[in-house]
PDB file of N, CA and C in Angstrom:
ATOM      1  N   MET A   1      65.012  89.217  95.669  1.00  0.00           N
ATOM      2  CA  MET A   1      64.990  90.900  95.984  1.00  0.00           C
ATOM      3  C   MET A   1      65.744  91.702  94.437  1.00  0.00           C
ATOM      4  N   ALA A   2      65.119  92.519  94.227  1.00  0.00           N
ATOM      5  CA  ALA A   2      65.093  93.711  93.235  1.00  0.00           C
ATOM      6  C   ALA A   2      66.666  93.488  93.146  1.00  0.00           C
ATOM      7  N   ASP A   3      66.907  94.275  92.063  1.00  0.00           N
ATOM      8  CA  ASP A   3      68.560  94.643  91.713  1.00  0.00           C
ATOM      9  C   ASP A   3      67.975  96.331  91.889  1.00  0.00           C
ATOM     10  N   THR A   4      68.533  96.920  93.023  1.00  0.00           N
ATOM     11  CA  THR A   4      68.023  98.243  92.731  1.00  0.00           C
ATOM     12  C   THR A   4      69.019  99.310  92.057  1.00  0.00           C
ATOM     13  N   GLY A   5      70.095  98.857  91.672  1.00  0.00           N
ATOM     14  CA  GLY A   5      71.466  99.554  91.009  1.00  0.00           C
ATOM     15  C   GLY A   5      71.146  99.529  89.626  1.00  0.00           C
ATOM     16  N   THR A   6      70.001  98.697  88.996  1.00  0.00           N
ATOM     17  CA  THR A   6      69.479  98.870  87.490  1.00  0.00           C
ATOM     18  C   THR A   6      68.423  99.794  87.310  1.00  0.00           C
ATOM     19  N   ALA A   7      68.753 101.005  86.231  1.00  0.00           N
ATOM     20  CA  ALA A   7      67.048 101.546  86.008  1.00  0.00           C
ATOM     21  C   ALA A   7      66.708 100.715  84.905  1.00  0.00           C
ATOM     22  N   GLU A   8      65.448 101.010  84.802  1.00  0.00           N
ATOM     23  CA  GLU A   8      64.573 100.502  84.110  1.00  0.00           C
ATOM     24  C   GLU A   8      63.801 101.631  82.983  1.00  0.00           C
ATOM     25  N   LEU A   9      63.894 101.019  81.586  1.00  0.00           N
ATOM     26  CA  LEU A   9      63.066 101.835  80.739  1.00  0.00           C
ATOM     27  C   LEU A   9      62.169 100.876  80.147  1.00  0.00           C
ATOM     28  N   VAL A  10      61.137 101.762  79.321  1.00  0.00           N
ATOM     29  CA  VAL A  10      60.266 101.016  78.553  1.00  0.00           C
ATOM     30  C   VAL A  10      60.868 101.362  77.099  1.00  0.00           C
ATOM     31  N   VAL A  11      60.831 100.044  76.539  1.00  0.00           N
ATOM     32  CA  VAL A  11      61.605  99.914  74.889  1.00  0.00           C
ATOM     33  C   VAL A  11      60.790 101.043  74.221  1.00  0.00           C
ATOM     34  N   GLY A  12      61.682 101.842  73.194  1.00  0.00           N
ATOM     35  CA  GLY A  12      61.140 102.779  72.572  1.00  0.00           C
ATOM     36  C   GLY A  12      60.622 103.883  72.810  1.00  0.00           C
ATOM     37  N   SER A  13      60.762 104.222  74.626  1.00  0.00           N
ATOM     38  CA  SER A  13      60.394 105.560  75.364  1.00  0.00           C
ATOM     39  C   SER A  13      61.352 106.412  74.865  1.00  0.00           C
ATOM     40  N   ASP A  14      60.624 107.516  73.863  1.00  0.00           N
ATOM     41  CA  ASP A  14      61.488 108.771  73.221  1.00  0.00           C
ATOM     42  C   ASP A  14      61.462 110.140  74.190  1.00  0.00           C
ATOM     43  N   ARG A  15      60.751 109.881  75.455  1.00  0.00           N
ATOM     44  CA  ARG A  15      60.481 111.129  76.467  1.00  0.00           C
ATOM     45  C   ARG A  15      61.342 111.045  77.335  1.00  0.00           C
ATOM     46  N   VAL A  16      62.588 109.727  77.328  1.00  0.00           N
ATOM     47  CA  VAL A  16      63.269 110.096  78.587  1.00  0.00           C
ATOM     48  C   VAL A  16      64.878 110.476  78.313  1.00  0.00           C
ATOM     49  N   ASP A  17      65.281 111.395  78.321  1.00  0.00           N
ATOM     50  CA  ASP A  17      66.919 111.583  78.104  1.00  0.00           C
ATOM     51  C   ASP A  17      67.498 111.274  78.959  1.00  0.00           C
ATOM     52  N   PHE A  18      68.610 110.809  78.965  1.00  0.00           N
ATOM     53  CA  PHE A  18      69.421 110.366  79.921  1.00  0.00           C
ATOM     54  C   PHE A  18      70.783 111.469  79.971  1.00  0.00           C
ATOM     55  N   TYR A  19      71.207 111.679  81.511  1.00  0.00           N
ATOM     56  CA  TYR A  19      72.486 112.236  81.573  1.00  0.00           C
ATOM     57  C   TYR A  19      73.718 111.864  82.376  1.00  0.00           C
ATOM     58  N   LEU A  20      74.504 111.914  81.999  1.00  0.00           N
ATOM     59  CA  LEU A  20      75.865 111.460  82.223  1.00  0.00           C
ATOM     60  C   LEU A  20      77.181 112.271  83.068  1.00  0.00           C
ATOM     61  N   THR A  21      77.611 112.014  83.983  1.00  0.00           N
ATOM     62  CA  THR A  21      78.487 112.842  84.253  1.00  0.00           C
ATOM     63  C   THR A  21      79.900 112.100  84.370  1.00  0.00           C
ATOM     64  N   TYR A  22      80.438 112.764  83.554  1.00  0.00           N
ATOM     65  CA  TYR A  22      82.229 112.232  83.241  1.00  0.00           C
ATOM     66  C   TYR A  22      83.049 112.871  84.380  1.00  0.00           C
ATOM     67  N   THR A  23      83.304 111.760  85.414  1.00  0.00           N
ATOM     68  CA  THR A  23      84.478 112.343  86.537  1.00  0.00           C
ATOM     69  C   THR A  23      85.719 111.761  86.468  1.00  0.00           C
ATOM     70  N   ASP A  24      86.570 112.324  87.486  1.00  0.00           N
ATOM     71  CA  ASP A  24      87.951 111.858  87.745  1.00  0.00           C
ATOM     72  C   ASP A  24      87.699 111.040  88.868  1.00  0.00           C
ATOM     73  N   GLU A  25      89.068 110.425  88.739  1.00  0.00           N
ATOM     74  CA  GLU A  25      89.277 109.039  90.332  1.00  0.00           C
ATOM     75  C   GLU A  25      88.843 109.366  91.449  1.00  0.00           C
ATOM     76  N   ASN A  26      88.440 110.922  91.317  1.00  0.00           N
ATOM     77  CA  ASN A  26      88.302 111.220  93.067  1.00  0.00           C
ATOM     78  C   ASN A  26      86.829 111.484  93.083  1.00  0.00           C
ATOM     79  N   ASN A  27      86.055 111.238  91.803  1.00  0.00           N
ATOM     80  CA  ASN A  27      84.626 111.394  91.481  1.00  0.00           C
ATOM     81  C   ASN A  27      84.041 112.820  91.593  1.00  0.00           C
ATOM     82  N   LEU A  28      84.932 113.738  91.083  1.00  0.00           N
ATOM     83  CA  LEU A  28      84.868 115.351  90.712  1.00  0.00           C
ATOM     84  C   LEU A  28      84.652 115.467  89.217  1.00  0.00           C
ATOM     85  N   PRO A  29      83.460 115.798  88.895  1.00  0.00           N
ATOM     86  CA  PRO A  29      82.627 115.926  87.365  1.00  0.00           C
ATOM     87  C   PRO A  29      84.397 116.752  86.489  1.00  0.00           C
ATOM     88  N   ILE A  30      84.659 115.899  85.737  1.00  0.00           N
ATOM     89  CA  ILE A  30      85.897 116.975  84.558  1.00  0.00           C
ATOM     90  C   ILE A  30      85.216 117.623  83.451  1.00  0.00           C
ATOM     91  N   ASN A  31      85.783 119.112  82.873  1.00  0.00           N
ATOM     92  CA  ASN A  31      85.306 119.756  82.047  1.00  0.00           C
ATOM     93  C   ASN A  31      85.407 119.070  80.674  1.00  0.00           C
ATOM     94  N   ILE A  32      84.834 119.159  80.128  1.00  0.00           N
ATOM     95  CA  ILE A  32      84.553 118.320  78.870  1.00  0.00           C
ATOM     96  C   ILE A  32      84.174 118.999  77.580  1.00  0.00           C
ATOM     97  N   ALA A  33      84.571 120.395  77.810  1.00  0.00           N
ATOM     98  CA  ALA A  33      84.795 121.476  76.466  1.00  0.00           C
ATOM     99  C   ALA A  33      86.109 120.815  75.954  1.00  0.00           C
ATOM    100  N   GLY A  34      85.216 121.194  74.518  1.00  0.00           N
ATOM    101  CA  GLY A  34      86.036 120.476  73.324  1.00  0.00           C
ATOM    102  C   GLY A  34      85.991 118.861  73.165  1.00  0.00           C
ATOM    103  N   ALA A  35      85.020 118.347  73.596  1.00  0.00           N
ATOM    104  CA  ALA A  35      85.305 116.864  73.593  1.00  0.00           C
ATOM    105  C   ALA A  35      84.645 116.548  71.769  1.00  0.00           C
ATOM    106  N   LEU A  36      85.948 115.825  71.810  1.00  0.00           N
ATOM    107  CA  LEU A  36      85.632 115.160  70.381  1.00  0.00           C
ATOM    108  C   LEU A  36      83.937 114.470  70.310  1.00  0.00           C
ATOM    109  N   GLU A  37      83.979 113.570  71.480  1.00  0.00           N
ATOM    110  CA  GLU A  37      83.350 112.617  71.425  1.00  0.00           C
ATOM    111  C   GLU A  37      82.466 111.952  72.526  1.00  0.00           C
ATOM    112  N   VAL A  38      80.869 112.306  72.828  1.00  0.00           N
ATOM    113  CA  VAL A  38      80.548 111.433  74.046  1.00  0.00           C
ATOM    114  C   VAL A  38      79.874 110.628  73.725  1.00  0.00           C
ATOM    115  N   LYS A  39      79.950 109.028  74.272  1.00  0.00           N
ATOM    116  CA  LYS A  39      78.826 108.056  73.893  1.00  0.00           C
ATOM    117  C   LYS A  39      78.958 107.623  75.083  1.00  0.00           C
ATOM    118  N   VAL A  40      77.715 106.704  74.866  1.00  0.00           N
ATOM    119  CA  VAL A  40      77.117 105.177  75.777  1.00  0.00           C
ATOM    120  C   VAL A  40      77.551 104.264  74.974  1.00  0.00           C
ATOM    121  N   GLN A  41      78.032 102.951  75.157  1.00  0.00           N
ATOM    122  CA  GLN A  41      78.292 101.606  74.743  1.00  0.00           C
ATOM    123  C   GLN A  41      77.844 100.675  75.616  1.00  0.00           C
ATOM    124  N   GLY A  42      77.322  99.764  74.933  1.00  0.00           N
ATOM    125  CA  GLY A  42      77.379  98.789  76.020  1.00  0.00           C
ATOM    126  C   GLY A  42      76.894  97.238  75.134  1.00  0.00           C
ATOM    127  N   GLN A  43      76.812  96.322  76.000  1.00  0.00           N
ATOM    128  CA  GLN A  43      76.403  94.919  75.614  1.00  0.00           C
ATOM    129  C   GLN A  43      75.092  94.120  76.653  1.00  0.00           C
ATOM    130  N   SER A  44      74.659  93.237  75.952  1.00  0.00           N
ATOM    131  CA  SER A  44      73.586  92.659  77.190  1.00  0.00           C
ATOM    132  C   SER A  44      74.217  90.954  76.590  1.00  0.00           C
ATOM    133  N   ASP A  45      73.747  90.221  78.049  1.00  0.00           N
ATOM    134  CA  ASP A  45      73.542  88.447  77.843  1.00  0.00           C
ATOM    135  C   ASP A  45      72.636  88.430  77.261  1.00  0.00           C
ATOM    136  N   ASP A  46      71.302  88.873  77.606  1.00  0.00           N
ATOM    137  CA  ASP A  46      70.178  88.589  76.900  1.00  0.00           C
ATOM    138  C   ASP A  46      70.061  88.841  75.501  1.00  0.00           C
ATOM    139  N   LEU A  47      70.379  89.503  74.768  1.00  0.00           N
ATOM    140  CA  LEU A  47      70.655  90.151  73.315  1.00  0.00           C
ATOM    141  C   LEU A  47      71.951  89.809  72.989  1.00  0.00           C
ATOM    142  N   PRO A  48      72.849  89.036  73.029  1.00  0.00           N
ATOM    143  CA  PRO A  48      74.264  88.909  72.615  1.00  0.00           C
ATOM    144  C   PRO A  48      74.657  89.458  71.191  1.00  0.00           C
ATOM    145  N   ALA A  49      73.780  89.449  69.709  1.00  0.00           N
ATOM    146  CA  ALA A  49      73.941  89.911  69.120  1.00  0.00           C
ATOM    147  C   ALA A  49      73.835  91.642  68.856  1.00  0.00           C
ATOM    148  N   THR A  50      73.223  92.446  69.667  1.00  0.00           N
ATOM    149  CA  THR A  50      72.842  93.560  70.108  1.00  0.00           C
ATOM    150  C   THR A  50      73.694  94.834  70.891  1.00  0.00           C
ATOM    151  N   ASP A  51      74.958  95.134  70.041  1.00  0.00           N
ATOM    152  CA  ASP A  51      75.663  96.045  70.801  1.00  0.00           C
ATOM    153  C   ASP A  51      74.898  97.913  70.434  1.00  0.00           C
ATOM    154  N   LEU A  52      75.271  98.201  71.889  1.00  0.00           N
ATOM    155  CA  LEU A  52      75.086  99.937  71.862  1.00  0.00           C
ATOM    156  C   LEU A  52      76.205 100.585  71.537  1.00  0.00           C
ATOM    157  N   ASP A  53      75.957 101.621  70.933  1.00  0.00           N
ATOM    158  CA  ASP A  53      76.874 102.572  70.654  1.00  0.00           C
ATOM    159  C   ASP A  53      76.127 104.168  70.342  1.00  0.00           C
ATOM    160  N   ILE A  54      75.794 104.870  71.302  1.00  0.00           N
ATOM    161  CA  ILE A  54      75.208 105.857  71.324  1.00  0.00           C
ATOM    162  C   ILE A  54      75.802 107.170  71.568  1.00  0.00           C
ATOM    163  N   SER A  55      75.499 107.960  70.655  1.00  0.00           N
ATOM    164  CA  SER A  55      76.157 109.537  70.439  1.00  0.00           C
ATOM    165  C   SER A  55      75.391 109.962  71.167  1.00  0.00           C
ATOM    166  N   GLY A  56      76.066 111.135  72.042  1.00  0.00           N
ATOM    167  CA  GLY A  56      75.364 112.160  72.872  1.00  0.00           C
ATOM    168  C   GLY A  56      75.853 113.468  72.485  1.00  0.00           C
ATOM    169  N   ALA A  57      75.470 114.633  73.564  1.00  0.00           N
ATOM    170  CA  ALA A  57      76.079 115.935  72.983  1.00  0.00           C
ATOM    171  C   ALA A  57      76.287 116.337  74.444  1.00  0.00           C
ATOM    172  N   ILE A  58      77.460 117.349  74.685  1.00  0.00           N
ATOM    173  CA  ILE A  58      77.512 117.738  75.703  1.00  0.00           C
ATOM    174  C   ILE A  58      76.424 118.753  76.243  1.00  0.00           C
ATOM    175  N   TYR A  59      76.124 118.724  77.311  1.00  0.00           N
ATOM    176  CA  TYR A  59      75.252 119.316  78.221  1.00  0.00           C
ATOM    177  C   TYR A  59      75.427 120.655  78.721  1.00  0.00           C
ATOM    178  N   ASP A  60      76.379 120.350  80.044  1.00  0.00           N
ATOM    179  CA  ASP A  60      76.824 121.267  80.675  1.00  0.00           C
ATOM    180  C   ASP A  60      78.682 121.124  81.288  1.00  0.00           C
ATOM    181  N   GLN A  61      79.447 121.614  79.695  1.00  0.00           N
ATOM    182  CA  GLN A  61      80.458 121.193  79.775  1.00  0.00           C
ATOM    183  C   GLN A  61      81.442 121.270  81.098  1.00  0.00           C
ATOM    184  N   ALA A  62      81.463 122.400  81.726  1.00  0.00           N
ATOM    185  CA  ALA A  62      82.206 122.680  82.876  1.00  0.00           C
ATOM    186  C   ALA A  62      82.054 121.561  84.262  1.00  0.00           C
ATOM    187  N   ASN A  63      80.983 121.053  83.905  1.00  0.00           N
ATOM    188  CA  ASN A  63      80.185 119.754  85.174  1.00  0.00           C
ATOM    189  C   ASN A  63      80.448 118.622  84.767  1.00  0.00           C
ATOM    190  N   GLY A  64      80.871 118.264  83.581  1.00  0.00           N
ATOM    191  CA  GLY A  64      81.154 116.920  82.932  1.00  0.00           C
ATOM    192  C   GLY A  64      79.850 116.452  82.622  1.00  0.00           C
ATOM    193  N   VAL A  65      79.083 116.830  81.720  1.00  0.00           N
ATOM    194  CA  VAL A  65      77.756 116.249  81.923  1.00  0.00           C
ATOM    195  C   VAL A  65      77.355 116.159  80.342  1.00  0.00           C
ATOM    196  N   ALA A  66      76.977 114.911  79.979  1.00  0.00           N
ATOM    197  CA  ALA A  66      76.509 114.775  78.903  1.00  0.00           C
ATOM    198  C   ALA A  66      75.032 114.449  78.686  1.00  0.00           C
ATOM    199  N   LYS A  67      74.404 114.867  77.483  1.00  0.00           N
ATOM    200  CA  LYS A  67      72.814 114.176  77.258  1.00  0.00           C
ATOM    201  C   LYS A  67      72.825 113.540  76.041  1.00  0.00           C
ATOM    202  N   PHE A  68      72.065 112.323  76.173  1.00  0.00           N
ATOM    203  CA  PHE A  68      71.417 111.185  74.973  1.00  0.00           C
ATOM    204  C   PHE A  68      70.253 111.640  75.366  1.00  0.00           C
ATOM    205  N   THR A  69      69.535 112.312  74.188  1.00  0.00           N
ATOM    206  CA  THR A  69      68.247 111.940  73.625  1.00  0.00           C
ATOM    207  C   THR A  69      67.391 110.955  73.691  1.00  0.00           C
ATOM    208  N   ALA A  70      66.270 110.961  74.073  1.00  0.00           N
ATOM    209  CA  ALA A  70      65.603 109.581  73.610  1.00  0.00           C
ATOM    210  C   ALA A  70      66.253 108.326  73.787  1.00  0.00           C
ATOM    211  N   PHE A  71      66.631 108.561  74.930  1.00  0.00           N
ATOM    212  CA  PHE A  71      67.250 107.259  75.497  1.00  0.00           C
ATOM    213  C   PHE A  71      67.037 105.860  75.288  1.00  0.00           C
ATOM    214  N   GLY A  72      65.411 105.788  75.657  1.00  0.00           N
ATOM    215  CA  GLY A  72      64.837 104.581  75.527  1.00  0.00           C
ATOM    216  C   GLY A  72      64.577 104.247  73.898  1.00  0.00           C
ATOM    217  N   ASN A  73      64.646 105.135  73.025  1.00  0.00           N
ATOM    218  CA  ASN A  73      64.633 104.415  71.562  1.00  0.00           C
ATOM    219  C   ASN A  73      66.111 103.393  71.601  1.00  0.00           C
ATOM    220  N   ALA A  74      66.801 103.600  72.270  1.00  0.00           N
ATOM    221  CA  ALA A  74      68.111 102.909  72.167  1.00  0.00           C
ATOM    222  C   ALA A  74      67.546 101.332  71.727  1.00  0.00           C
ATOM    223  N   ILE A  75      66.877 100.743  71.981  1.00  0.00           N
ATOM    224  CA  ILE A  75      65.698  99.010  72.152  1.00  0.00           C
ATOM    225  C   ILE A  75      64.431  99.330  71.605  1.00  0.00           C
ATOM    226  N   THR A  76      64.016  98.667  70.580  1.00  0.00           N
ATOM    227  CA  THR A  76      62.882  98.963  70.243  1.00  0.00           C
ATOM    228  C   THR A  76      62.410  98.077  70.815  1.00  0.00           C
ATOM    229  N   THR A  77      60.768  97.598  70.377  1.00  0.00           N
ATOM    230  CA  THR A  77      59.957  96.477  70.647  1.00  0.00           C
ATOM    231  C   THR A  77      60.484  95.326  69.442  1.00  0.00           C
ATOM    232  N   GLY A  78      60.695  95.784  68.188  1.00  0.00           N
ATOM    233  CA  GLY A  78      61.212  94.973  67.425  1.00  0.00           C
ATOM    234  C   GLY A  78      62.438  93.900  67.923  1.00  0.00           C
ATOM    235  N   VAL A  79      63.540  95.073  68.700  1.00  0.00           N
ATOM    236  CA  VAL A  79      64.747  94.122  68.774  1.00  0.00           C
ATOM    237  C   VAL A  79      64.408  93.251  70.002  1.00  0.00           C
ATOM    238  N   LEU A  80      63.695  93.611  71.017  1.00  0.00           N
ATOM    239  CA  LEU A  80      63.584  92.747  72.300  1.00  0.00           C
ATOM    240  C   LEU A  80      62.542  91.873  71.605  1.00  0.00           C
ATOM    241  N   GLY A  81      61.891  92.046  71.317  1.00  0.00           N
ATOM    242  CA  GLY A  81      61.088  90.900  70.495  1.00  0.00           C
ATOM    243  C   GLY A  81      60.362  89.952  71.330  1.00  0.00           C
ATOM    244  N   ALA A  82      60.227  88.758  71.676  1.00  0.00           N
ATOM    245  CA  ALA A  82      59.403  88.015  72.741  1.00  0.00           C
ATOM    246  C   ALA A  82      60.010  88.218  74.031  1.00  0.00           C
ATOM    247  N   LEU A  83      61.180  88.364  74.407  1.00  0.00           N
ATOM    248  CA  LEU A  83      61.928  88.710  75.809  1.00  0.00           C
ATOM    249  C   LEU A  83      61.256  89.485  76.429  1.00  0.00           C
ATOM    250  N   PRO A  84      60.651  89.409  77.479  1.00  0.00           N
ATOM    251  CA  PRO A  84      59.978  90.053  78.421  1.00  0.00           C
ATOM    252  C   PRO A  84      61.158  91.586  78.482  1.00  0.00           C
ATOM    253  N   SER A  85      62.702  91.308  78.543  1.00  0.00           N
ATOM    254  CA  SER A  85      63.570  92.780  79.058  1.00  0.00           C
ATOM    255  C   SER A  85      64.389  91.937  78.945  1.00  0.00           C
ATOM    256  N   ALA A  86      65.703  92.777  78.646  1.00  0.00           N
ATOM    257  CA  ALA A  86      67.031  92.984  78.568  1.00  0.00           C
ATOM    258  C   ALA A  86      67.863  93.818  79.237  1.00  0.00           C
ATOM    259  N   THR A  87      68.788  93.345  80.140  1.00  0.00           N
ATOM    260  CA  THR A  87      69.363  94.062  80.392  1.00  0.00           C
ATOM    261  C   THR A  87      70.893  94.666  80.088  1.00  0.00           C
ATOM    262  N   PHE A  88      71.426  95.853  79.964  1.00  0.00           N
ATOM    263  CA  PHE A  88      72.407  95.687  79.141  1.00  0.00           C
ATOM    264  C   PHE A  88      73.783  96.286  80.126  1.00  0.00           C
ATOM    265  N   THR A  89      74.920  96.046  79.906  1.00  0.00           N
ATOM    266  CA  THR A  89      75.950  96.501  80.989  1.00  0.00           C
ATOM    267  C   THR A  89      76.633  97.542  80.211  1.00  0.00           C
ATOM    268  N   LEU A  90      76.820  98.829  80.478  1.00  0.00           N
ATOM    269  CA  LEU A  90      77.143 100.171  79.672  1.00  0.00           C
ATOM    270  C   LEU A  90      78.270 100.779  80.624  1.00  0.00           C
ATOM    271  N   ARG A  91      78.821 101.389  79.521  1.00  0.00           N
ATOM    272  CA  ARG A  91      79.776 102.739  80.167  1.00  0.00           C
ATOM    273  C   ARG A  91      79.679 104.032  79.424  1.00  0.00           C
ATOM    274  N   GLY A  92      80.203 104.910  79.924  1.00  0.00           N
ATOM    275  CA  GLY A  92      80.350 105.873  79.207  1.00  0.00           C
ATOM    276  C   GLY A  92      81.667 106.166  78.066  1.00  0.00           C
ATOM    277  N   LYS A  93      81.816 106.573  77.059  1.00  0.00           N
ATOM    278  CA  LYS A  93      83.009 106.660  76.662  1.00  0.00           C
ATOM    279  C   LYS A  93      83.300 108.532  76.478  1.00  0.00           C
ATOM    280  N   LEU A  94      84.426 108.859  76.438  1.00  0.00           N
ATOM    281  CA  LEU A  94      84.610 110.177  76.295  1.00  0.00           C
ATOM    282  C   LEU A  94      85.931 110.419  75.290  1.00  0.00           C
ATOM    283  N   LYS A  95      85.795 110.949  74.574  1.00  0.00           N
ATOM    284  CA  LYS A  95      87.334 111.460  73.615  1.00  0.00           C
ATOM    285  C   LYS A  95      87.503 113.057  73.735  1.00  0.00           C
ATOM    286  N   ASP A  96      88.336 113.267  74.482  1.00  0.00           N
ATOM    287  CA  ASP A  96      88.486 114.408  74.681  1.00  0.00           C
ATOM    288  C   ASP A  96      89.397 115.264  73.382  1.00  0.00           C
ATOM    289  N   SER A  97      89.444 116.496  73.680  1.00  0.00           N
ATOM    290  CA  SER A  97      90.096 117.311  72.574  1.00  0.00           C
ATOM    291  C   SER A  97      91.385 117.161  72.413  1.00  0.00           C
ATOM    292  N   ALA A  98      92.027 116.461  73.228  1.00  0.00           N
ATOM    293  CA  ALA A  98      93.724 116.017  72.403  1.00  0.00           C
ATOM    294  C   ALA A  98      93.468 114.209  72.142  1.00  0.00           C
ATOM    295  N   GLY A  99      91.988 114.010  72.009  1.00  0.00           N
ATOM    296  CA  GLY A  99      91.927 112.750  70.808  1.00  0.00           C
ATOM    297  C   GLY A  99      92.193 111.534  72.061  1.00  0.00           C
ATOM    298  N   LYS A 100      92.365 111.577  73.668  1.00  0.00           N
ATOM    299  CA  LYS A 100      92.391 110.832  74.177  1.00  0.00           C
ATOM    300  C   LYS A 100      90.961 110.407  74.951  1.00  0.00           C
ATOM    301  N   THR A 101      91.158 109.065  75.184  1.00  0.00           N
ATOM    302  CA  THR A 101      89.747 108.423  75.749  1.00  0.00           C
ATOM    303  C   THR A 101      89.251 107.992  77.180  1.00  0.00           C
ATOM    304  N   THR A 102      88.821 108.263  77.617  1.00  0.00           N
ATOM    305  CA  THR A 102      88.267 107.999  79.284  1.00  0.00           C
ATOM    306  C   THR A 102      86.695 107.602  79.173  1.00  0.00           C
ATOM    307  N   PHE A 103      86.925 106.214  79.938  1.00  0.00           N
ATOM    308  CA  PHE A 103      85.582 105.601  80.203  1.00  0.00           C
ATOM    309  C   PHE A 103      85.141 105.660  81.496  1.00  0.00           C
ATOM    310  N   THR A 104      83.647 105.796  81.958  1.00  0.00           N
ATOM    311  CA  THR A 104      83.343 105.760  82.923  1.00  0.00           C
ATOM    312  C   THR A 104      83.037 104.410  83.698  1.00  0.00           C
ATOM    313  N   PRO A 105      82.862 104.477  84.878  1.00  0.00           N
ATOM    314  CA  PRO A 105      82.592 103.125  85.423  1.00  0.00           C
ATOM    315  C   PRO A 105      81.413 102.688  85.091  1.00  0.00           C
ATOM    316  N   GLU A 106      81.119 101.037  84.755  1.00  0.00           N
ATOM    317  CA  GLU A 106      79.969 100.249  84.197  1.00  0.00           C
ATOM    318  C   GLU A 106      78.581 100.444  84.943  1.00  0.00           C
ATOM    319  N   PHE A 107      77.475 100.529  83.932  1.00  0.00           N
ATOM    320  CA  PHE A 107      76.497 100.636  85.098  1.00  0.00           C
ATOM    321  C   PHE A 107      75.081  99.671  84.223  1.00  0.00           C
ATOM    322  N   LYS A 108      74.237  99.782  84.843  1.00  0.00           N
ATOM    323  CA  LYS A 108      73.323  98.427  84.277  1.00  0.00           C
ATOM    324  C   LYS A 108      72.078  99.717  84.026  1.00  0.00           C
ATOM    325  N   VAL A 109      71.503  99.143  82.911  1.00  0.00           N
ATOM    326  CA  VAL A 109      70.024  99.657  82.129  1.00  0.00           C
ATOM    327  C   VAL A 109      69.181  98.165  81.921  1.00  0.00           C
ATOM    328  N   LYS A 110      68.002  98.424  82.296  1.00  0.00           N
ATOM    329  CA  LYS A 110      67.255  97.125  81.847  1.00  0.00           C
ATOM    330  C   LYS A 110      66.029  97.833  81.157  1.00  0.00           C
ATOM    331  N   TRP A 111      65.695  97.540  79.681  1.00  0.00           N
ATOM    332  CA  TRP A 111      64.868  97.851  78.946  1.00  0.00           C
ATOM    333  C   TRP A 111      63.711  96.723  78.887  1.00  0.00           C
ATOM    334  N   ALA A 112      62.473  97.216  79.070  1.00  0.00           N
ATOM    335  CA  ALA A 112      61.365  96.064  79.012  1.00  0.00           C
ATOM    336  C   ALA A 112      60.205  96.676  77.849  1.00  0.00           C
ATOM    337  N   HIS A 113      59.626  95.364  77.973  1.00  0.00           N
ATOM    338  CA  HIS A 113      57.901  95.532  77.019  1.00  0.00           C
ATOM    339  C   HIS A 113      57.360  96.811  78.318  1.00  0.00           C
ATOM    340  N   GLN A 114      56.236  97.396  77.457  1.00  0.00           N
ATOM    341  CA  GLN A 114      55.279  98.526  78.421  1.00  0.00           C
ATOM    342  C   GLN A 114      54.673  97.506  78.866  1.00  0.00           C
ATOM    343  N   PRO A 115      54.771  97.947  80.167  1.00  0.00           N
ATOM    344  CA  PRO A 115      53.545  97.067  81.014  1.00  0.00           C
ATOM    345  C   PRO A 115      51.926  97.453  80.735  1.00  0.00           C
ATOM    346  N   LEU A 116      51.273  96.322  81.085  1.00  0.00           N
ATOM    347  CA  LEU A 116      49.790  96.613  80.992  1.00  0.00           C
ATOM    348  C   LEU A 116      49.026  97.805  81.415  1.00  0.00           C
TER     349      LEU A 116
END
């Protein structure tokens, strides 16, 4: 059975933007106005030498949304190499205007070579 909780991207897909909503413990969006840093960070058991640390931009501050442009470019065909795919466990990182750091729950993204 397929893992329906994992998004899939083609390596090097530069037309795919990723939007991440930062929420509080009640799953309500938090205002990220003045945030010093919005990032997506993570690792893969498939590519243990590859760490992701992707900077984004505030997209909708009142609703806690950050945008990560050309998200598919985070993994290239050169990085993936001969592997058919690699699944990364990621989480969002927010450093607010007071310098406090908050992380989102983990989520998974699978990068794969372009299908035929």
